[in-house]
Each structure stands twice: as structure tokens, then as C-alpha cells.
Protein backbone atom coordinates (compact mmCIF):
# COMPACT_ATOMS: atom_id res chain seq x y z
CA UNK A 1 98.06 37.61 95.85
CA UNK A 2 97.27 41.30 95.39
CA UNK A 3 95.72 42.68 92.21
CA UNK A 4 96.17 46.15 90.77
CA UNK A 5 93.01 48.26 91.01
CA UNK A 6 92.69 48.75 87.22
CA UNK A 7 92.98 45.00 86.54
CA UNK A 8 90.51 44.27 89.30
CA UNK A 9 87.91 46.60 87.80
CA UNK A 10 88.41 45.14 84.33
CA UNK A 11 88.08 41.60 85.69
CA UNK A 12 85.00 42.55 87.70
CA UNK A 13 83.34 44.08 84.66
CA UNK A 14 84.21 41.15 82.34
CA UNK A 15 82.94 38.47 84.72
CA UNK A 16 79.86 40.50 85.65
CA UNK A 17 78.97 41.11 81.99
CA UNK A 18 79.33 37.42 81.09
CA UNK A 19 77.14 36.40 84.02
CA UNK A 20 74.56 39.10 83.24
CA UNK A 21 74.22 37.66 79.73
CA UNK A 22 74.45 33.93 80.44
CA UNK A 23 72.35 33.49 83.61
CA UNK A 24 69.10 35.07 82.27
CA UNK A 25 69.57 33.15 79.02
CA UNK A 26 69.93 29.80 80.83
CA UNK A 27 67.03 30.54 83.18
CA UNK A 28 64.91 31.60 80.19
CA UNK A 29 65.58 28.29 78.45
CA UNK A 30 64.70 26.33 81.62
CA UNK A 31 61.51 28.19 82.55
CA UNK A 32 60.01 29.61 79.35
CA UNK A 33 56.81 27.98 78.11
CA UNK A 34 55.77 28.72 74.51
CA UNK A 35 52.36 30.29 74.06
CA UNK A 36 49.60 27.95 72.94
CA UNK A 37 46.79 29.60 71.04
CA UNK A 38 43.77 27.91 69.45
CA UNK A 39 43.45 27.91 65.68
CA UNK A 40 41.18 30.86 64.89
CA UNK A 41 39.55 30.85 61.44
CA UNK A 42 36.61 32.52 59.75
CA UNK A 43 33.53 30.33 59.24
CA UNK A 44 31.84 31.10 55.94
CA UNK A 45 28.59 29.62 57.28
CA UNK A 46 28.48 31.29 60.72
CA UNK A 47 30.11 34.43 59.30
CA UNK A 48 32.29 34.88 62.36
CA UNK A 49 35.65 33.80 63.76
CA UNK A 50 35.63 30.42 65.49
CA UNK A 51 38.13 28.45 67.59
CA UNK A 52 39.31 25.04 66.39
CA UNK A 53 40.86 22.49 68.75
CA UNK A 54 41.80 19.26 66.95
CA UNK A 55 42.71 17.59 70.26
CA UNK A 56 39.01 17.57 71.17
CA UNK A 57 37.67 14.75 69.01
CA UNK A 58 34.01 15.20 70.00
CA UNK A 59 33.62 18.99 69.93
CA UNK A 60 36.49 20.48 67.88
CA UNK A 61 34.78 23.80 67.08
CA UNK A 62 33.70 26.62 69.40
CA UNK A 63 31.99 29.82 68.27
CA UNK A 64 32.44 33.29 69.79
CA UNK A 65 29.60 32.70 72.27
CA UNK A 66 31.25 29.56 73.64
CA UNK A 67 28.88 27.11 71.95
CA UNK A 68 30.57 23.85 70.94
CA UNK A 69 29.90 21.87 67.77
CA UNK A 70 30.37 18.19 66.99
CA UNK A 71 32.77 16.86 64.38
CA UNK A 72 29.99 16.48 61.81
CA UNK A 73 28.79 20.03 62.46
CA UNK A 74 32.39 21.25 62.28
CA UNK A 75 32.72 19.80 58.77
CA UNK A 76 29.56 21.55 57.58
CA UNK A 77 30.36 24.90 59.23
CA UNK A 78 33.88 24.98 57.76
CA UNK A 79 33.33 23.56 54.25
CA UNK A 80 36.36 25.29 52.69
CA UNK A 81 38.60 23.72 55.34
CA UNK A 82 37.02 20.25 55.35
CA UNK A 83 36.04 20.06 51.67
CA UNK A 84 37.75 16.69 51.13
CA UNK A 85 35.69 15.05 53.87
CA UNK A 86 32.47 16.66 52.64
CA UNK A 87 33.13 15.60 49.04
CA UNK A 88 33.85 12.06 50.17
CA UNK A 89 30.47 12.05 51.94
CA UNK A 90 28.77 13.86 49.03
CA UNK A 91 27.77 16.72 51.37
CA UNK A 92 29.76 19.56 49.80
CA UNK A 93 27.53 22.50 48.80
CA UNK A 94 27.60 23.53 45.14
CA UNK A 95 28.24 27.18 46.05
CA UNK A 96 29.13 29.36 49.02
CA UNK A 97 28.18 33.04 48.96
CA UNK A 98 27.31 32.64 45.25
CA UNK A 99 30.80 31.28 44.49
CA UNK A 100 31.22 27.91 42.80
CA UNK A 101 32.88 25.38 45.13
CA UNK A 102 34.15 22.56 42.98
CA UNK A 103 37.55 21.09 43.78
CA UNK A 104 39.38 23.17 41.16
CA UNK A 105 37.98 26.47 42.43
CA UNK A 106 38.69 25.70 46.08
CA UNK A 107 42.30 24.62 45.53
CA UNK A 108 43.14 27.40 43.07
CA UNK A 109 42.23 30.13 45.58
CA UNK A 110 44.02 28.67 48.60
CA UNK A 111 46.97 30.68 49.89
CA UNK A 112 49.43 30.31 52.76
CA UNK A 113 52.08 32.87 53.71
CA UNK A 114 54.29 33.07 56.81
CA UNK A 115 55.98 36.38 57.62
CA UNK A 116 58.50 36.70 60.44
CA UNK A 117 61.31 39.09 61.26
CA UNK A 118 63.85 36.25 61.35
CA UNK A 119 63.01 35.35 57.75
CA UNK A 120 63.87 38.91 56.69
CA UNK A 121 66.64 39.89 59.12
CA UNK A 122 69.07 37.17 58.16
CA UNK A 123 72.31 37.03 56.14
CA UNK A 124 71.50 37.65 52.50
CA UNK A 125 72.36 35.08 49.87
CA UNK A 126 75.42 35.84 47.76
CA UNK A 127 73.87 34.41 44.58
CA UNK A 128 70.37 33.51 43.43
CA UNK A 129 69.53 30.53 41.19
CA UNK A 130 68.04 31.25 37.79
CA UNK A 131 64.84 29.35 37.01
CA UNK A 132 63.06 29.07 33.68
CA UNK A 133 59.48 30.34 34.05
CA UNK A 134 58.37 28.71 30.78
CA UNK A 135 60.18 25.36 30.60
CA UNK A 136 59.61 23.05 27.66
CA UNK A 137 58.82 20.20 30.06
CA UNK A 138 56.85 20.39 33.31
CA UNK A 139 58.89 20.92 36.51
CA UNK A 140 62.18 21.17 34.61
CA UNK A 141 62.81 24.85 35.28
CA UNK A 142 66.15 24.59 37.11
CA UNK A 143 69.12 25.91 35.12
CA UNK A 144 72.90 25.89 35.56
CA UNK A 145 73.09 29.62 36.25
CA UNK A 146 73.01 31.94 39.25
CA UNK A 147 73.01 35.74 39.33
CA UNK A 148 74.20 38.45 41.69
CA UNK A 149 73.03 42.06 42.07
CA UNK A 150 75.72 43.81 44.05
CA UNK A 151 77.62 46.77 42.64
CA UNK A 152 76.92 45.28 39.23
CA UNK A 153 75.00 42.42 37.62
CA UNK A 154 76.85 39.12 37.37
CA UNK A 155 75.85 35.72 35.99
CA UNK A 156 77.77 32.53 36.76
CA UNK A 157 77.57 29.02 35.34
CA UNK A 158 77.63 26.71 38.37
CA UNK A 159 78.15 23.62 36.21
CA UNK A 160 81.53 24.92 35.08
CA UNK A 161 82.11 27.40 37.93
CA UNK A 162 82.68 30.06 35.26
CA UNK A 163 81.72 33.72 34.97
CA UNK A 164 79.51 34.01 31.88
CA UNK A 165 80.34 37.31 30.19
CA UNK A 166 77.76 36.95 27.43
CA UNK A 167 74.77 36.29 29.69
CA UNK A 168 76.01 38.91 32.16
CA UNK A 169 76.02 41.53 29.40
CA UNK A 170 72.49 40.60 28.30
CA UNK A 171 71.22 40.66 31.89
CA UNK A 172 72.96 43.97 32.72
CA UNK A 173 71.65 45.66 29.56
CA UNK A 174 68.09 44.55 30.35
CA UNK A 175 68.37 45.96 33.88
CA UNK A 176 69.83 49.26 32.70
CA UNK A 177 67.21 49.57 29.96
CA UNK A 178 64.55 49.47 32.67
CA UNK A 179 66.52 52.03 34.76
CA UNK A 180 67.57 49.64 37.54
CA UNK A 181 70.06 51.36 39.87
CA UNK A 182 72.79 49.24 41.52
CA UNK A 183 73.28 47.88 44.11
CA UNK A 184 70.05 46.09 45.01
CA UNK A 185 68.80 46.61 48.56
CA UNK A 186 67.29 43.14 48.58
CA UNK A 187 66.36 40.30 46.24
CA UNK A 188 63.60 37.93 47.38
CA UNK A 189 62.06 34.91 45.67
CA UNK A 190 61.20 31.26 46.18
CA UNK A 191 64.36 29.20 45.60
CA UNK A 192 62.70 25.84 46.34
CA UNK A 193 63.28 23.48 43.43
CA UNK A 194 60.13 21.50 44.29
CA UNK A 195 57.78 24.37 43.47
CA UNK A 196 55.28 23.87 40.67
CA UNK A 197 55.78 27.22 38.99
CA UNK A 198 58.46 29.93 38.99
CA UNK A 199 57.37 33.50 39.71
CA UNK A 200 60.91 34.87 39.59
CA UNK A 201 62.28 37.44 42.04
CA UNK A 202 61.26 40.84 43.34
CA UNK A 203 64.13 43.25 43.95
CA UNK A 204 64.38 46.72 45.45
CA UNK A 205 67.05 48.82 43.74
CA UNK A 206 69.21 51.51 45.31
CA UNK A 207 66.58 54.20 44.69
CA UNK A 208 63.73 52.22 46.24
CA UNK A 209 62.09 51.15 42.97
CA UNK A 210 60.58 47.65 42.99
CA UNK A 211 61.43 45.36 40.06
CA UNK A 212 60.20 41.95 38.95
CA UNK A 213 63.00 39.76 37.57
CA UNK A 214 62.75 36.30 36.02
CA UNK A 215 63.89 34.19 33.09
CA UNK A 216 61.48 33.55 30.19
CA UNK A 217 62.50 31.37 27.24
CA UNK A 218 66.14 31.71 28.22
CA UNK A 219 66.04 35.52 28.22
CA UNK A 220 65.94 37.92 31.18
CA UNK A 221 62.56 39.43 32.01
CA UNK A 222 62.88 42.72 33.93
CA UNK A 223 59.94 44.97 34.72
CA UNK A 224 59.58 48.03 36.92
CA UNK A 225 56.41 47.35 38.91
CA UNK A 226 55.89 51.09 39.56
CA UNK A 227 54.54 50.16 43.00
CA UNK A 228 55.33 53.05 45.32
CA UNK A 229 54.82 53.73 49.01
CA UNK A 230 55.70 56.82 51.02
CA UNK A 231 57.54 54.87 53.72
CA UNK A 232 59.31 52.51 51.29
CA UNK A 233 59.21 48.73 50.99
CA UNK A 234 60.53 46.63 53.87
CA UNK A 235 60.38 43.15 52.28
CA UNK A 236 58.51 40.86 49.91
CA UNK A 237 57.03 37.48 50.84
CA UNK A 238 56.28 35.19 47.87
CA UNK A 239 53.35 32.82 47.73
CA UNK A 240 52.25 30.36 45.10
CA UNK A 241 48.67 29.97 43.95
CA UNK A 242 47.42 27.83 41.11
CA UNK A 243 45.85 30.89 39.47
CA UNK A 244 49.32 32.46 38.98
CA UNK A 245 48.00 36.00 39.43
CA UNK A 246 48.98 36.57 43.09
CA UNK A 247 52.73 37.03 43.46
CA UNK A 248 52.94 37.53 47.21
CA UNK A 249 52.71 39.98 50.08
CA UNK A 250 54.57 43.29 50.21
CA UNK A 251 55.46 44.68 53.63
CA UNK A 252 56.08 48.42 53.90
CA UNK A 253 58.50 50.06 56.33
CA UNK A 254 55.59 51.44 58.35
CA UNK A 255 54.10 47.95 58.80
CA UNK A 256 51.32 47.85 56.20
CA UNK A 257 50.62 44.68 54.21
CA UNK A 258 49.65 44.63 50.54
CA UNK A 259 48.73 41.84 48.13
CA UNK A 260 50.62 42.03 44.81
CA UNK A 261 48.58 40.96 41.78
CA UNK A 262 48.23 41.67 38.08
CA UNK A 263 45.22 43.64 36.89
CA UNK A 264 43.29 43.07 33.66
CA UNK A 265 45.82 45.17 31.70
CA UNK A 266 48.81 43.20 32.95
CA UNK A 267 49.97 45.98 35.31
CA UNK A 268 51.18 45.29 38.83
CA UNK A 269 48.70 46.21 41.53
CA UNK A 270 49.18 46.47 45.31
CA UNK A 271 45.97 46.00 47.31
CA UNK A 272 46.24 46.97 50.98
CA UNK A 273 44.95 44.62 53.68
CA UNK A 274 42.33 46.29 55.88
CA UNK A 275 44.03 45.72 59.23
CA UNK A 276 46.26 47.64 61.69
CA UNK A 277 49.95 48.09 60.95
CA UNK A 278 52.39 45.53 62.31
CA UNK A 279 55.94 45.84 63.64
CA UNK A 280 58.07 44.49 60.75
CA UNK A 281 61.05 43.73 63.01
CA UNK A 282 59.24 41.86 65.80
CA UNK A 283 55.80 40.56 64.85
CA UNK A 284 55.07 37.19 63.22
CA UNK A 285 52.25 36.99 60.66
CA UNK A 286 50.45 33.93 59.29
CA UNK A 287 48.04 34.24 56.37
CA UNK A 288 45.65 31.41 55.44
CA UNK A 289 43.31 32.25 52.60
CA UNK A 290 40.52 30.64 50.61
CA UNK A 291 37.94 31.70 48.06
CA UNK A 292 35.78 33.49 50.67
CA UNK A 293 38.10 34.95 53.33
CA UNK A 294 41.70 35.55 54.32
CA UNK A 295 42.63 34.76 57.92
CA UNK A 296 45.53 36.95 59.08
CA UNK A 297 47.07 36.07 62.46
CA UNK A 298 49.54 38.50 64.03
CA UNK A 299 51.56 37.24 67.00
CA UNK A 300 52.79 39.96 69.36
CA UNK A 301 54.35 39.80 72.85
CA UNK A 302 51.02 40.81 74.44
CA UNK A 303 49.00 38.18 72.57
CA UNK A 304 47.63 37.05 69.23
CA UNK A 305 45.43 39.14 66.93
CA UNK A 306 43.32 37.49 64.22
CA UNK A 307 41.68 39.39 61.36
CA UNK A 308 39.23 37.93 58.85
CA UNK A 309 39.31 39.77 55.53
CA UNK A 310 37.22 39.42 52.41
CA UNK A 311 39.19 37.40 49.88
CA UNK A 312 38.27 39.82 47.09
CA UNK A 313 38.17 43.33 48.57
CA UNK A 314 40.45 42.49 51.55
CA UNK A 315 38.04 44.47 53.74
CA UNK A 316 37.70 43.58 57.43
CA UNK A 317 34.98 41.05 58.26
CA UNK A 318 35.80 40.22 61.90
CA UNK A 319 38.65 40.44 64.40
CA UNK A 320 39.64 38.89 67.72
CA UNK A 321 42.40 39.23 70.31
CA UNK A 322 43.66 36.46 72.62
CA UNK A 323 45.96 37.74 75.40
CA UNK A 324 49.21 35.92 76.11
CA UNK A 325 49.41 33.77 79.23
CA UNK A 326 52.20 34.56 81.68
CA UNK A 327 54.72 31.79 82.32
CA UNK A 328 57.33 31.18 85.05
CA UNK A 329 59.94 33.15 83.13
CA UNK A 330 57.82 36.32 83.22
CA UNK A 331 57.77 36.31 87.03
CA UNK A 332 61.46 35.41 87.39
CA UNK A 333 62.44 38.04 84.85
CA UNK A 334 60.41 40.74 86.61
CA UNK A 335 61.62 40.14 90.17
CA UNK A 336 65.18 38.79 89.83
CA UNK A 337 66.92 40.24 86.78
CA UNK A 338 67.20 44.05 86.66
CA UNK A 339 68.83 43.86 83.23
CA UNK A 340 68.18 41.23 80.56
CA UNK A 341 70.70 41.21 77.71
CA UNK A 342 70.33 38.73 74.86
CA UNK A 343 73.22 37.78 72.60
CA UNK A 344 70.90 37.29 69.63
CA UNK A 345 68.46 40.10 69.09
CA UNK A 346 64.83 38.90 68.91
CA UNK A 347 63.55 38.76 65.36
CA UNK A 348 67.03 38.53 63.87
CA UNK A 349 69.44 35.79 62.82
CA UNK A 350 72.46 37.98 63.58
CA UNK A 351 74.42 37.76 66.83
CA UNK A 352 74.28 41.19 68.46
CA UNK A 353 73.93 41.72 72.25
CA UNK A 354 70.93 43.89 73.01
CA UNK A 355 69.29 45.13 76.21
CA UNK A 356 65.68 43.92 75.90
CA UNK A 357 64.27 44.79 79.35
CA UNK A 358 64.97 46.87 82.46
CA UNK A 359 63.02 45.65 85.50
CA UNK A 360 62.84 48.16 88.36
CA UNK A 361 60.93 45.70 90.57
CA UNK A 362 64.13 43.64 90.80
CA UNK A 363 65.66 46.32 93.08
CA UNK A 364 64.17 44.44 96.05
CA UNK A 365 66.05 41.29 95.10
CA UNK A 366 69.19 43.40 94.63
CA UNK A 367 68.77 44.75 98.17
CA UNK A 368 68.60 41.16 99.47
CA UNK A 369 71.81 40.35 97.58
CA UNK A 370 73.46 43.47 99.02
CA UNK A 371 72.61 42.33 102.56
CA UNK A 372 74.00 38.89 101.74
CA UNK A 373 77.22 40.56 100.57
CA UNK A 374 77.45 42.56 103.82
CA UNK A 375 76.87 39.44 105.94
CA UNK A 376 79.52 37.55 104.02
CA UNK A 377 82.06 40.32 104.49
CA UNK A 378 81.29 40.60 108.21
CA UNK A 379 81.63 36.87 108.65
CA UNK A 380 85.12 36.72 107.16
CA UNK A 381 86.18 40.08 108.61
CA UNK A 382 86.89 41.54 105.16
CA UNK A 383 86.55 45.28 104.48
CA UNK A 384 83.36 46.35 102.69
CA UNK A 385 83.96 47.79 99.24
CA UNK A 386 81.42 50.49 98.54
CA UNK A 387 81.83 50.25 94.75
CA UNK A 388 81.05 46.52 95.05
CA UNK A 389 77.98 47.21 97.15
CA UNK A 390 76.70 49.82 94.69
CA UNK A 391 77.32 47.52 91.70
CA UNK A 392 75.22 44.81 93.38
CA UNK A 393 72.41 47.28 94.06
CA UNK A 394 72.41 48.37 90.41
CA UNK A 395 73.33 45.23 88.44
CA UNK A 396 72.05 42.57 90.83
CA UNK A 397 72.94 38.90 90.52
CA UNK A 398 75.61 39.44 87.84
CA UNK A 399 77.70 41.68 90.10
CA UNK A 400 77.04 39.48 93.17
CA UNK A 401 78.27 36.32 91.43
CA UNK A 402 81.25 38.20 89.99
CA UNK A 403 82.33 39.08 93.54
CA UNK A 404 82.22 35.42 94.46
CA UNK A 405 84.63 34.51 91.66
CA UNK A 406 87.15 37.29 92.41
CA UNK A 407 89.98 36.84 94.95
CA UNK A 408 89.12 37.75 98.56
CA UNK A 409 92.30 39.73 99.21
CA UNK A 410 92.50 43.51 99.29
CA UNK A 411 93.11 45.56 96.19
CA UNK A 412 96.14 47.78 96.06
């Protein structure tokens, strides 16, 4: 069988592209080892960042000088982490850094926020459930309505699957009265029905203005926060505290993090975290806070950064960097695959092929494959195709395997 030259090139490209995508992906799954970092937290007693390893039952805590501490010492050096154990043993101090440390104070100032690109770069919801922020009975804030903020405001009754014109008009008028411009760039809030309190939603309108939207006593509550940033707002990450004055974390387009609170006058206030900017589309951030300090952990490809910030001023107290350990995939990727294309872009839930690395060291492996191609052709007495040889030198194993699948006859 003889194949036309145009069809042969198309077939060669199609098979080579599929192999170039699939082989690195399969090898990555088989050889990649997730990074394992110790839990790094700020000790209010040592006033420094420490490493915690719960797998070590005898000495779970290590300070920055490498000194290890027993379980009992660990409890005393991390009282805001092990307060339940200390209270059970009647060893909990009455105050830490002149702050009262009863159970109510400790729990009310705890905060946990996870920020990742995949949480933001995902398909947006078509409709958002409406919750009552002031329900007549505790934990009964779910309603039968959802709203949309596309080219216009829309409210639907999910119990009857009916478009509610009356509530839509009320909601639209409230938005327009506060100068909300359609369509919304994003709408973000906690839609978990098991939450203890509803903070509503934060939405960025078409002009980049940030609004707070919720339902109070059956009526729409819409406020322009007047929080502005020169680079614009990338996303909002809600968190729930028992004090109800911290709404969440705002992430700017240039990678700065800010805590959103209410000041004494009831105005919205963005307080910047004293730490370097992050990459909003690639980095993962974990925030664990208490009454004394916020621990901010930023995971990057090169390693993990940890910053301890004052819980009140958000000023930097200490920082530490733990480099990432290389795994088998790193070596295989560097020396075998000249091009690595992933179907799903890192940090995104969308399927979109993207070239993530070009490895020039793999040219040596490509040369070995080119010699193997020449030996194979000599063995069977087939003519050497220079375009095939060049494609192997450039694209490597994808082009080499594509040649193996194609017919061995000449091309007309």
C-alpha cells in the first residue's frame, strides 16, 4: 500500500502529537511523588516558626535550631494549637501576650482559608442559592430561591421552577440603586448549607467595583464596598469566624492578599498581609490563624514558603523556606522529553493543551533515538527519510514512536 505524501504528513503529525501528549502524562502519573513538607507553625511561646511532625510520637516538635521537644513540651509551647489538651490537664495559661485565652476567645479568633488556582479557574456556577442572613430560627437560612447576575439580574423559585418577576424587580432595583453595572465578572460566596452563619456573596461588576450582596429579613442587601486596587481584584475567598467581622481574603491581580473586615463605623476595610506577592494562577495558599498569629503557607514549584504574621497588624513576624525535593519524574522529564504538553493546564479545571516545559538536555536522548532510526532503516534496507530524521531530533520520542506505527512502504 502506498500513501499520498500529504496524507502521510497529516498522519505523522496526528500520531506524533497524540504520543507527545499521552506518553509524558502516563510517565508522570507513574513516577511523580507528591511533595511532603512538615507542618510549619508559629509558636507563641518560642516566638519563632517550628516544625511539627505528628508521626513522631515522642518528639513531635522541632525548633529552627534543630532542638526536639517532647509531647508534653509540645503542648505547652503551642498552647493555641493544643488548648483542649491543656485545659483538660488544667495547664492552660490565663493569657498569652496579654490576651485572654479562655475557650471562647481562642475559638472565636481561629481562621482557616485555602486558596488555589483550581478553586478560582473553574466553570462558574449558573445560579447562586439565596440564604437568609437573619433567620428566625437558628440554621434555617436556606430559601427556595436562586439568583443570576449575567446580562441582567434574575431570581428563580427552585421549588416551583418559576421565574419570579416580583423578586427579580426588587433585586434589580436594589443593584441599580447602588450603581451595579452588569454583567458581573464573578460572584463568590460560601454555598455550603451546613455553615453556621451566612455572610452572603462578594461580586465584582463589569467596571471592577466590588459589591457585598446578601438577603436580610427577606430583602436584598447590596452595598458597594468601595475597596479599590490599582491592579484590580482577582478573586475573593470567604472564611467564617465566630466574631462575624472577618469576611474573607481578597486576592488582587498582582498577587497581593488582603483581609476584608468591618471597621468601627461599619465600613469595609482591606488590610494587606505583609508578605511577598503570589502567582494567582499557579500558587496554592493555606492560612491558619489564631488570636496571636496568622500562619500563611505558599506552595510553589520550587518549594514551600511559610510566613508568620501578627494576627492584629498582619505584620511579618518570621518566615521560612523549604525547598522542594526532586523526584523520579524530574529526572525523566529533563533528559527524555524535549516537549511536555499537558491536556489540562496546571491550576485550572478547564481542558486546554498547554506547553509547560521545553527541555534542551533531552537533545542527547533524541540523538540516540535518531541513531536507532538509522540502524532500523539500514537493517531493513529502507530509504532514510530526512524529514523523519529531523522530526526525531526535534520532537524526540513522539516522532520516533509515530514512525513505528506508520507503514514501512515508500511515500509517493
